[in-house]
Amino acid sequence: MARHMAEHNTPFSVGTIAGILKDFVACTREQCLNGNTVKIDNLAIFKCSVQANGLVMGPDYKIVGGLGGVPNTNGRTPDYTKES
Protein backbone atom coordinates (compact mmCIF):
# COMPACT_ATOMS: atom_id res chain seq x y z
CA MET A 1 0.00 0.00 0.00
CA ALA A 2 2.81 2.40 0.90
CA ARG A 3 4.53 1.81 -2.45
CA HIS A 4 1.27 2.39 -4.32
CA MET A 5 0.55 5.59 -2.39
CA ALA A 6 4.08 6.90 -3.03
CA GLU A 7 3.48 6.62 -6.78
CA HIS A 8 0.63 9.15 -6.64
CA ASN A 9 2.58 12.43 -6.76
CA THR A 10 3.23 12.63 -3.04
CA PRO A 11 6.33 14.24 -1.53
CA PHE A 12 6.59 11.34 0.95
CA SER A 13 8.80 8.31 0.44
CA VAL A 14 7.63 4.71 0.65
CA GLY A 15 9.35 4.43 4.04
CA THR A 16 7.64 7.53 5.42
CA ILE A 17 4.22 6.32 4.30
CA ALA A 18 4.88 2.84 5.69
CA GLY A 19 5.84 4.40 9.03
CA ILE A 20 2.70 6.52 9.11
CA LEU A 21 0.51 3.51 8.32
CA LYS A 22 2.25 1.42 10.99
CA ASP A 23 1.76 4.17 13.60
CA PHE A 24 -1.85 4.58 12.48
CA VAL A 25 -2.56 0.88 13.03
CA ALA A 26 -0.90 0.97 16.46
CA CYS A 27 -2.86 4.07 17.52
CA THR A 28 -6.15 2.66 16.22
CA ARG A 29 -5.53 -0.55 18.18
CA GLU A 30 -4.63 1.43 21.31
CA GLN A 31 -7.78 3.54 21.09
CA CYS A 32 -9.98 0.47 20.56
CA LEU A 33 -8.41 -1.33 23.53
CA ASN A 34 -9.09 1.79 25.63
CA GLY A 35 -12.79 1.37 24.83
CA ASN A 36 -13.01 4.06 22.17
CA THR A 37 -14.59 3.67 18.76
CA VAL A 38 -12.41 4.89 15.90
CA LYS A 39 -14.15 6.17 12.77
CA ILE A 40 -12.16 6.69 9.61
CA ASP A 41 -14.36 8.64 7.19
CA ASN A 42 -15.31 6.70 4.06
CA LEU A 43 -13.42 3.63 5.26
CA ALA A 44 -14.58 1.91 8.44
CA ILE A 45 -15.58 2.14 12.07
CA PHE A 46 -13.36 0.12 14.41
CA LYS A 47 -14.41 -1.00 17.86
CA CYS A 48 -13.53 -3.92 20.08
CA SER A 49 -16.03 -6.27 21.58
CA VAL A 50 -15.62 -9.22 23.87
CA GLN A 51 -17.72 -12.34 23.75
CA ALA A 52 -18.19 -14.53 26.82
CA ASN A 53 -20.10 -17.71 27.42
CA GLY A 54 -20.99 -16.97 31.04
CA LEU A 55 -18.83 -19.77 32.42
CA VAL A 56 -18.70 -19.87 36.21
CA MET A 57 -15.19 -20.83 37.27
CA GLY A 58 -14.38 -22.82 40.38
CA PRO A 59 -12.09 -21.41 43.08
CA ASP A 60 -9.13 -23.51 41.90
CA TYR A 61 -9.45 -22.47 38.22
CA LYS A 62 -6.57 -20.35 36.92
CA ILE A 63 -6.23 -18.68 33.58
CA VAL A 64 -2.88 -19.75 32.20
CA GLY A 65 -3.08 -18.41 28.66
CA GLY A 66 -4.96 -15.73 26.84
CA LEU A 67 -8.68 -15.26 27.04
CA GLY A 68 -9.20 -16.21 23.41
CA GLY A 69 -9.91 -13.97 20.50
CA VAL A 70 -11.19 -10.43 20.77
CA PRO A 71 -13.16 -9.82 17.59
CA ASN A 72 -12.68 -6.52 15.81
CA THR A 73 -16.09 -5.63 14.46
CA ASN A 74 -15.28 -3.14 11.77
CA GLY A 75 -17.98 -2.14 9.35
CA ARG A 76 -17.87 0.05 6.33
CA THR A 77 -19.15 3.57 6.80
CA PRO A 78 -21.99 4.73 4.58
CA ASP A 79 -21.13 7.06 1.74
CA TYR A 80 -22.24 10.50 2.93
CA THR A 81 -20.77 12.39 0.02
CA LYS A 82 -23.03 14.30 -2.34
CA GLU A 83 -22.78 13.84 -6.04
CA SER A 84 -22.55 17.15 -7.85
PDB file of N, CA and C in Angstrom:
ATOM      1  N   MET A   1       0.833  -1.185   0.000  1.00  0.00           N
ATOM      2  CA  MET A   1       0.000   0.000   0.000  1.00  0.00           C
ATOM      3  C   MET A   1       0.875   1.245   0.000  1.00  0.00           C
ATOM      4  N   ALA A   2       1.935   1.226   0.822  1.00  0.00           N
ATOM      5  CA  ALA A   2       2.806   2.400   0.896  1.00  0.00           C
ATOM      6  C   ALA A   2       3.457   2.678  -0.460  1.00  0.00           C
ATOM      7  N   ARG A   3       3.900   1.635  -1.140  1.00  0.00           N
ATOM      8  CA  ARG A   3       4.534   1.813  -2.450  1.00  0.00           C
ATOM      9  C   ARG A   3       3.527   2.394  -3.440  1.00  0.00           C
ATOM     10  N   HIS A   4       2.311   1.890  -3.424  1.00  0.00           N
ATOM     11  CA  HIS A   4       1.270   2.387  -4.322  1.00  0.00           C
ATOM     12  C   HIS A   4       0.967   3.857  -4.042  1.00  0.00           C
ATOM     13  N   MET A   5       0.848   4.209  -2.754  1.00  0.00           N
ATOM     14  CA  MET A   5       0.553   5.592  -2.395  1.00  0.00           C
ATOM     15  C   MET A   5       1.688   6.527  -2.805  1.00  0.00           C
ATOM     16  N   ALA A   6       2.926   6.065  -2.676  1.00  0.00           N
ATOM     17  CA  ALA A   6       4.076   6.902  -3.025  1.00  0.00           C
ATOM     18  C   ALA A   6       4.126   7.215  -4.516  1.00  0.00           C
ATOM     19  N   GLU A   7       3.483   6.400  -5.325  1.00  0.00           N
ATOM     20  CA  GLU A   7       3.482   6.619  -6.779  1.00  0.00           C
ATOM     21  C   GLU A   7       2.466   7.679  -7.215  1.00  0.00           C
ATOM     22  N   HIS A   8       1.680   8.190  -6.291  1.00  0.00           N
ATOM     23  CA  HIS A   8       0.627   9.151  -6.641  1.00  0.00           C
ATOM     24  C   HIS A   8       1.022  10.583  -6.319  1.00  0.00           C
ATOM     25  N   ASN A   9       2.140  11.035  -6.857  1.00  0.00           N
ATOM     26  CA  ASN A   9       2.584  12.427  -6.763  1.00  0.00           C
ATOM     27  C   ASN A   9       2.590  12.953  -5.335  1.00  0.00           C
ATOM     28  N   THR A  10       3.121  12.196  -4.420  1.00  0.00           N
ATOM     29  CA  THR A  10       3.228  12.635  -3.039  1.00  0.00           C
ATOM     30  C   THR A  10       4.688  12.950  -2.735  1.00  0.00           C
ATOM     31  N   PRO A  11       4.945  13.925  -1.875  1.00  0.00           N
ATOM     32  CA  PRO A  11       6.334  14.242  -1.526  1.00  0.00           C
ATOM     33  C   PRO A  11       6.924  13.247  -0.524  1.00  0.00           C
ATOM     34  N   PHE A  12       6.137  12.269  -0.071  1.00  0.00           N
ATOM     35  CA  PHE A  12       6.593  11.337   0.949  1.00  0.00           C
ATOM     36  C   PHE A  12       7.161  10.078   0.315  1.00  0.00           C
ATOM     37  N   SER A  13       8.193   9.538   0.928  1.00  0.00           N
ATOM     38  CA  SER A  13       8.803   8.314   0.436  1.00  0.00           C
ATOM     39  C   SER A  13       7.978   7.107   0.865  1.00  0.00           C
ATOM     40  N   VAL A  14       8.299   5.963   0.272  1.00  0.00           N
ATOM     41  CA  VAL A  14       7.633   4.715   0.649  1.00  0.00           C
ATOM     42  C   VAL A  14       7.843   4.439   2.135  1.00  0.00           C
ATOM     43  N   GLY A  15       9.055   4.671   2.631  1.00  0.00           N
ATOM     44  CA  GLY A  15       9.353   4.431   4.042  1.00  0.00           C
ATOM     45  C   GLY A  15       8.564   5.331   4.977  1.00  0.00           C
ATOM     46  N   THR A  16       8.408   6.593   4.597  1.00  0.00           N
ATOM     47  CA  THR A  16       7.642   7.526   5.417  1.00  0.00           C
ATOM     48  C   THR A  16       6.175   7.097   5.480  1.00  0.00           C
ATOM     49  N   ILE A  17       5.614   6.757   4.330  1.00  0.00           N
ATOM     50  CA  ILE A  17       4.217   6.322   4.295  1.00  0.00           C
ATOM     51  C   ILE A  17       4.040   5.036   5.079  1.00  0.00           C
ATOM     52  N   ALA A  18       4.964   4.097   4.941  1.00  0.00           N
ATOM     53  CA  ALA A  18       4.879   2.838   5.688  1.00  0.00           C
ATOM     54  C   ALA A  18       4.915   3.104   7.193  1.00  0.00           C
ATOM     55  N   GLY A  19       5.758   4.036   7.617  1.00  0.00           N
ATOM     56  CA  GLY A  19       5.837   4.395   9.033  1.00  0.00           C
ATOM     57  C   GLY A  19       4.547   5.020   9.536  1.00  0.00           C
ATOM     58  N   ILE A  20       3.964   5.887   8.731  1.00  0.00           N
ATOM     59  CA  ILE A  20       2.695   6.523   9.108  1.00  0.00           C
ATOM     60  C   ILE A  20       1.596   5.470   9.230  1.00  0.00           C
ATOM     61  N   LEU A  21       1.528   4.557   8.270  1.00  0.00           N
ATOM     62  CA  LEU A  21       0.509   3.509   8.319  1.00  0.00           C
ATOM     63  C   LEU A  21       0.711   2.598   9.528  1.00  0.00           C
ATOM     64  N   LYS A  22       1.957   2.270   9.829  1.00  0.00           N
ATOM     65  CA  LYS A  22       2.250   1.418  10.990  1.00  0.00           C
ATOM     66  C   LYS A  22       1.832   2.117  12.281  1.00  0.00           C
ATOM     67  N   ASP A  23       2.162   3.401  12.414  1.00  0.00           N
ATOM     68  CA  ASP A  23       1.756   4.172  13.596  1.00  0.00           C
ATOM     69  C   ASP A  23       0.240   4.295  13.674  1.00  0.00           C
ATOM     70  N   PHE A  24      -0.404   4.473  12.524  1.00  0.00           N
ATOM     71  CA  PHE A  24      -1.853   4.583  12.477  1.00  0.00           C
ATOM     72  C   PHE A  24      -2.510   3.312  13.000  1.00  0.00           C
ATOM     73  N   VAL A  25      -2.017   2.162  12.568  1.00  0.00           N
ATOM     74  CA  VAL A  25      -2.562   0.880  13.027  1.00  0.00           C
ATOM     75  C   VAL A  25      -2.373   0.735  14.531  1.00  0.00           C
ATOM     76  N   ALA A  26      -1.179   1.074  15.023  1.00  0.00           N
ATOM     77  CA  ALA A  26      -0.903   0.969  16.460  1.00  0.00           C
ATOM     78  C   ALA A  26      -1.814   1.891  17.270  1.00  0.00           C
ATOM     79  N   CYS A  27      -2.007   3.115  16.795  1.00  0.00           N
ATOM     80  CA  CYS A  27      -2.860   4.067  17.516  1.00  0.00           C
ATOM     81  C   CYS A  27      -4.325   3.656  17.464  1.00  0.00           C
ATOM     82  N   THR A  28      -4.772   3.132  16.328  1.00  0.00           N
ATOM     83  CA  THR A  28      -6.149   2.656  16.219  1.00  0.00           C
ATOM     84  C   THR A  28      -6.379   1.508  17.194  1.00  0.00           C
ATOM     85  N   ARG A  29      -5.434   0.581  17.250  1.00  0.00           N
ATOM     86  CA  ARG A  29      -5.535  -0.551  18.178  1.00  0.00           C
ATOM     87  C   ARG A  29      -5.569  -0.059  19.621  1.00  0.00           C
ATOM     88  N   GLU A  30      -4.690   0.881  19.947  1.00  0.00           N
ATOM     89  CA  GLU A  30      -4.630   1.425  21.306  1.00  0.00           C
ATOM     90  C   GLU A  30      -5.963   2.070  21.699  1.00  0.00           C
ATOM     91  N   GLN A  31      -6.517   2.877  20.803  1.00  0.00           N
ATOM     92  CA  GLN A  31      -7.780   3.544  21.093  1.00  0.00           C
ATOM     93  C   GLN A  31      -8.914   2.536  21.270  1.00  0.00           C
ATOM     94  N   CYS A  32      -8.944   1.503  20.433  1.00  0.00           N
ATOM     95  CA  CYS A  32      -9.978   0.466  20.560  1.00  0.00           C
ATOM     96  C   CYS A  32      -9.844  -0.275  21.886  1.00  0.00           C
ATOM     97  N   LEU A  33      -8.619  -0.621  22.270  1.00  0.00           N
ATOM     98  CA  LEU A  33      -8.412  -1.328  23.525  1.00  0.00           C
ATOM     99  C   LEU A  33      -8.716  -0.454  24.738  1.00  0.00           C
ATOM    100  N   ASN A  34      -8.702   0.870  24.555  1.00  0.00           N
ATOM    101  CA  ASN A  34      -9.089   1.791  25.628  1.00  0.00           C
ATOM    102  C   ASN A  34     -10.599   2.001  25.672  1.00  0.00           C
ATOM    103  N   GLY A  35     -11.336   1.282  24.826  1.00  0.00           N
ATOM    104  CA  GLY A  35     -12.787   1.370  24.833  1.00  0.00           C
ATOM    105  C   GLY A  35     -13.363   2.406  23.899  1.00  0.00           C
ATOM    106  N   ASN A  36     -12.531   3.031  23.094  1.00  0.00           N
ATOM    107  CA  ASN A  36     -13.006   4.057  22.170  1.00  0.00           C
ATOM    108  C   ASN A  36     -13.339   3.448  20.813  1.00  0.00           C
ATOM    109  N   THR A  37     -14.277   4.039  20.131  1.00  0.00           N
ATOM    110  CA  THR A  37     -14.594   3.668  18.757  1.00  0.00           C
ATOM    111  C   THR A  37     -13.840   4.619  17.846  1.00  0.00           C
ATOM    112  N   VAL A  38     -13.205   4.079  16.828  1.00  0.00           N
ATOM    113  CA  VAL A  38     -12.414   4.888  15.901  1.00  0.00           C
ATOM    114  C   VAL A  38     -13.113   4.870  14.546  1.00  0.00           C
ATOM    115  N   LYS A  39     -13.506   6.059  14.075  1.00  0.00           N
ATOM    116  CA  LYS A  39     -14.154   6.171  12.769  1.00  0.00           C
ATOM    117  C   LYS A  39     -13.190   6.822  11.792  1.00  0.00           C
ATOM    118  N   ILE A  40     -12.963   6.145  10.694  1.00  0.00           N
ATOM    119  CA  ILE A  40     -12.156   6.695   9.607  1.00  0.00           C
ATOM    120  C   ILE A  40     -13.153   6.977   8.483  1.00  0.00           C
ATOM    121  N   ASP A  41     -13.364   8.253   8.192  1.00  0.00           N
ATOM    122  CA  ASP A  41     -14.361   8.639   7.195  1.00  0.00           C
ATOM    123  C   ASP A  41     -14.160   7.877   5.890  1.00  0.00           C
ATOM    124  N   ASN A  42     -15.270   7.411   5.333  1.00  0.00           N
ATOM    125  CA  ASN A  42     -15.312   6.696   4.059  1.00  0.00           C
ATOM    126  C   ASN A  42     -14.491   5.415   4.046  1.00  0.00           C
ATOM    127  N   LEU A  43     -14.170   4.876   5.218  1.00  0.00           N
ATOM    128  CA  LEU A  43     -13.417   3.626   5.265  1.00  0.00           C
ATOM    129  C   LEU A  43     -14.080   2.616   6.194  1.00  0.00           C
ATOM    130  N   ALA A  44     -14.045   2.890   7.498  1.00  0.00           N
ATOM    131  CA  ALA A  44     -14.575   1.909   8.444  1.00  0.00           C
ATOM    132  C   ALA A  44     -14.753   2.534   9.816  1.00  0.00           C
ATOM    133  N   ILE A  45     -15.468   1.819  10.658  1.00  0.00           N
ATOM    134  CA  ILE A  45     -15.582   2.139  12.075  1.00  0.00           C
ATOM    135  C   ILE A  45     -15.008   0.939  12.818  1.00  0.00           C
ATOM    136  N   PHE A  46     -14.015   1.179  13.661  1.00  0.00           N
ATOM    137  CA  PHE A  46     -13.356   0.117  14.407  1.00  0.00           C
ATOM    138  C   PHE A  46     -13.749   0.201  15.872  1.00  0.00           C
ATOM    139  N   LYS A  47     -14.145  -0.936  16.426  1.00  0.00           N
ATOM    140  CA  LYS A  47     -14.414  -1.001  17.855  1.00  0.00           C
ATOM    141  C   LYS A  47     -14.174  -2.434  18.308  1.00  0.00           C
ATOM    142  N   CYS A  48     -13.773  -2.589  19.534  1.00  0.00           N
ATOM    143  CA  CYS A  48     -13.529  -3.916  20.079  1.00  0.00           C
ATOM    144  C   CYS A  48     -14.758  -4.387  20.834  1.00  0.00           C
ATOM    145  N   SER A  49     -14.971  -5.663  20.781  1.00  0.00           N
ATOM    146  CA  SER A  49     -16.025  -6.269  21.583  1.00  0.00           C
ATOM    147  C   SER A  49     -15.489  -7.587  22.127  1.00  0.00           C
ATOM    148  N   VAL A  50     -16.037  -7.981  23.237  1.00  0.00           N
ATOM    149  CA  VAL A  50     -15.616  -9.222  23.874  1.00  0.00           C
ATOM    150  C   VAL A  50     -16.831 -10.126  23.989  1.00  0.00           C
ATOM    151  N   GLN A  51     -16.644 -11.373  23.633  1.00  0.00           N
ATOM    152  CA  GLN A  51     -17.718 -12.339  23.750  1.00  0.00           C
ATOM    153  C   GLN A  51     -17.393 -13.290  24.894  1.00  0.00           C
ATOM    154  N   ALA A  52     -18.385 -13.605  25.703  1.00  0.00           N
ATOM    155  CA  ALA A  52     -18.192 -14.533  26.822  1.00  0.00           C
ATOM    156  C   ALA A  52     -19.343 -15.520  26.838  1.00  0.00           C
ATOM    157  N   ASN A  53     -19.061 -16.694  27.361  1.00  0.00           N
ATOM    158  CA  ASN A  53     -20.102 -17.713  27.417  1.00  0.00           C
ATOM    159  C   ASN A  53     -20.730 -17.831  28.804  1.00  0.00           C
ATOM    160  N   GLY A  54     -20.393 -16.967  29.712  1.00  0.00           N
ATOM    161  CA  GLY A  54     -20.993 -16.973  31.035  1.00  0.00           C
ATOM    162  C   GLY A  54     -20.531 -18.118  31.918  1.00  0.00           C
ATOM    163  N   LEU A  55     -19.361 -18.658  31.649  1.00  0.00           N
ATOM    164  CA  LEU A  55     -18.829 -19.772  32.418  1.00  0.00           C
ATOM    165  C   LEU A  55     -18.529 -19.347  33.855  1.00  0.00           C
ATOM    166  N   VAL A  56     -19.006 -20.116  34.803  1.00  0.00           N
ATOM    167  CA  VAL A  56     -18.702 -19.872  36.211  1.00  0.00           C
ATOM    168  C   VAL A  56     -17.507 -20.746  36.565  1.00  0.00           C
ATOM    169  N   MET A  57     -16.430 -20.112  36.994  1.00  0.00           N
ATOM    170  CA  MET A  57     -15.193 -20.835  37.273  1.00  0.00           C
ATOM    171  C   MET A  57     -15.109 -21.203  38.747  1.00  0.00           C
ATOM    172  N   GLY A  58     -14.583 -22.378  39.006  1.00  0.00           N
ATOM    173  CA  GLY A  58     -14.384 -22.824  40.377  1.00  0.00           C
ATOM    174  C   GLY A  58     -13.253 -22.065  41.039  1.00  0.00           C
ATOM    175  N   PRO A  59     -13.122 -22.157  42.355  1.00  0.00           N
ATOM    176  CA  PRO A  59     -12.094 -21.405  43.080  1.00  0.00           C
ATOM    177  C   PRO A  59     -10.669 -21.832  42.731  1.00  0.00           C
ATOM    178  N   ASP A  60     -10.481 -23.049  42.225  1.00  0.00           N
ATOM    179  CA  ASP A  60      -9.133 -23.509  41.900  1.00  0.00           C
ATOM    180  C   ASP A  60      -8.789 -23.307  40.422  1.00  0.00           C
ATOM    181  N   TYR A  61      -9.678 -22.689  39.650  1.00  0.00           N
ATOM    182  CA  TYR A  61      -9.447 -22.469  38.222  1.00  0.00           C
ATOM    183  C   TYR A  61      -8.535 -21.269  38.031  1.00  0.00           C
ATOM    184  N   LYS A  62      -7.498 -21.449  37.209  1.00  0.00           N
ATOM    185  CA  LYS A  62      -6.569 -20.353  36.921  1.00  0.00           C
ATOM    186  C   LYS A  62      -6.450 -20.188  35.415  1.00  0.00           C
ATOM    187  N   ILE A  63      -6.425 -18.967  35.003  1.00  0.00           N
ATOM    188  CA  ILE A  63      -6.226 -18.680  33.582  1.00  0.00           C
ATOM    189  C   ILE A  63      -4.730 -18.685  33.325  1.00  0.00           C
ATOM    190  N   VAL A  64      -4.298 -19.623  32.486  1.00  0.00           N
ATOM    191  CA  VAL A  64      -2.876 -19.755  32.197  1.00  0.00           C
ATOM    192  C   VAL A  64      -2.508 -18.989  30.931  1.00  0.00           C
ATOM    193  N   GLY A  65      -3.359 -19.063  29.934  1.00  0.00           N
ATOM    194  CA  GLY A  65      -3.077 -18.410  28.661  1.00  0.00           C
ATOM    195  C   GLY A  65      -3.947 -17.204  28.454  1.00  0.00           C
ATOM    196  N   GLY A  66      -4.114 -16.855  27.192  1.00  0.00           N
ATOM    197  CA  GLY A  66      -4.958 -15.726  26.842  1.00  0.00           C
ATOM    198  C   GLY A  66      -6.425 -16.070  27.000  1.00  0.00           C
ATOM    199  N   LEU A  67      -7.239 -15.096  26.882  1.00  0.00           N
ATOM    200  CA  LEU A  67      -8.678 -15.262  27.037  1.00  0.00           C
ATOM    201  C   LEU A  67      -9.362 -15.602  25.721  1.00  0.00           C
ATOM    202  N   GLY A  68      -8.601 -15.906  24.709  1.00  0.00           N
ATOM    203  CA  GLY A  68      -9.200 -16.209  23.414  1.00  0.00           C
ATOM    204  C   GLY A  68      -9.187 -14.977  22.531  1.00  0.00           C
ATOM    205  N   GLY A  69      -9.908 -15.056  21.460  1.00  0.00           N
ATOM    206  CA  GLY A  69      -9.909 -13.967  20.498  1.00  0.00           C
ATOM    207  C   GLY A  69     -10.787 -12.812  20.926  1.00  0.00           C
ATOM    208  N   VAL A  70     -10.384 -11.629  20.572  1.00  0.00           N
ATOM    209  CA  VAL A  70     -11.189 -10.430  20.771  1.00  0.00           C
ATOM    210  C   VAL A  70     -11.551  -9.953  19.375  1.00  0.00           C
ATOM    211  N   PRO A  71     -12.803 -10.164  18.966  1.00  0.00           N
ATOM    212  CA  PRO A  71     -13.162  -9.820  17.592  1.00  0.00           C
ATOM    213  C   PRO A  71     -13.141  -8.317  17.355  1.00  0.00           C
ATOM    214  N   ASN A  72     -12.653  -7.925  16.211  1.00  0.00           N
ATOM    215  CA  ASN A  72     -12.682  -6.524  15.810  1.00  0.00           C
ATOM    216  C   ASN A  72     -13.849  -6.385  14.849  1.00  0.00           C
ATOM    217  N   THR A  73     -14.910  -5.771  15.297  1.00  0.00           N
ATOM    218  CA  THR A  73     -16.093  -5.628  14.456  1.00  0.00           C
ATOM    219  C   THR A  73     -16.006  -4.310  13.711  1.00  0.00           C
ATOM    220  N   ASN A  74     -15.381  -4.365  12.562  1.00  0.00           N
ATOM    221  CA  ASN A  74     -15.284  -3.144  11.769  1.00  0.00           C
ATOM    222  C   ASN A  74     -16.266  -3.240  10.615  1.00  0.00           C
ATOM    223  N   GLY A  75     -17.017  -2.189  10.443  1.00  0.00           N
ATOM    224  CA  GLY A  75     -17.983  -2.137   9.353  1.00  0.00           C
ATOM    225  C   GLY A  75     -17.693  -0.948   8.469  1.00  0.00           C
ATOM    226  N   ARG A  76     -18.094  -1.068   7.247  1.00  0.00           N
ATOM    227  CA  ARG A  76     -17.867   0.051   6.334  1.00  0.00           C
ATOM    228  C   ARG A  76     -18.803   1.195   6.694  1.00  0.00           C
ATOM    229  N   THR A  77     -18.310   2.410   6.542  1.00  0.00           N
ATOM    230  CA  THR A  77     -19.152   3.568   6.802  1.00  0.00           C
ATOM    231  C   THR A  77     -19.972   3.874   5.555  1.00  0.00           C
ATOM    232  N   PRO A  78     -21.176   4.356   5.740  1.00  0.00           N
ATOM    233  CA  PRO A  78     -21.992   4.729   4.578  1.00  0.00           C
ATOM    234  C   PRO A  78     -21.342   5.877   3.819  1.00  0.00           C
ATOM    235  N   ASP A  79     -21.658   5.978   2.563  1.00  0.00           N
ATOM    236  CA  ASP A  79     -21.134   7.056   1.738  1.00  0.00           C
ATOM    237  C   ASP A  79     -22.007   8.288   1.937  1.00  0.00           C
ATOM    238  N   TYR A  80     -21.498   9.276   2.655  1.00  0.00           N
ATOM    239  CA  TYR A  80     -22.243  10.497   2.934  1.00  0.00           C
ATOM    240  C   TYR A  80     -21.928  11.621   1.955  1.00  0.00           C
ATOM    241  N   THR A  81     -21.131  11.340   0.942  1.00  0.00           N
ATOM    242  CA  THR A  81     -20.769  12.392   0.015  1.00  0.00           C
ATOM    243  C   THR A  81     -21.903  12.654  -0.958  1.00  0.00           C
ATOM    244  N   LYS A  82     -22.009  13.917  -1.365  1.00  0.00           N
ATOM    245  CA  LYS A  82     -23.029  14.304  -2.339  1.00  0.00           C
ATOM    246  C   LYS A  82     -22.436  14.266  -3.726  1.00  0.00           C
ATOM    247  N   GLU A  83     -23.220  13.792  -4.648  1.00  0.00           N
ATOM    248  CA  GLU A  83     -22.777  13.838  -6.039  1.00  0.00           C
ATOM    249  C   GLU A  83     -23.188  15.182  -6.618  1.00  0.00           C
ATOM    250  N   SER A  84     -22.243  15.832  -7.284  1.00  0.00           N
ATOM    251  CA  SER A  84     -22.549  17.152  -7.851  1.00  0.00           C
ATOM    252  C   SER A  84     -23.242  17.043  -9.182  1.00  0.00           C
TER     253      SER A  84
END
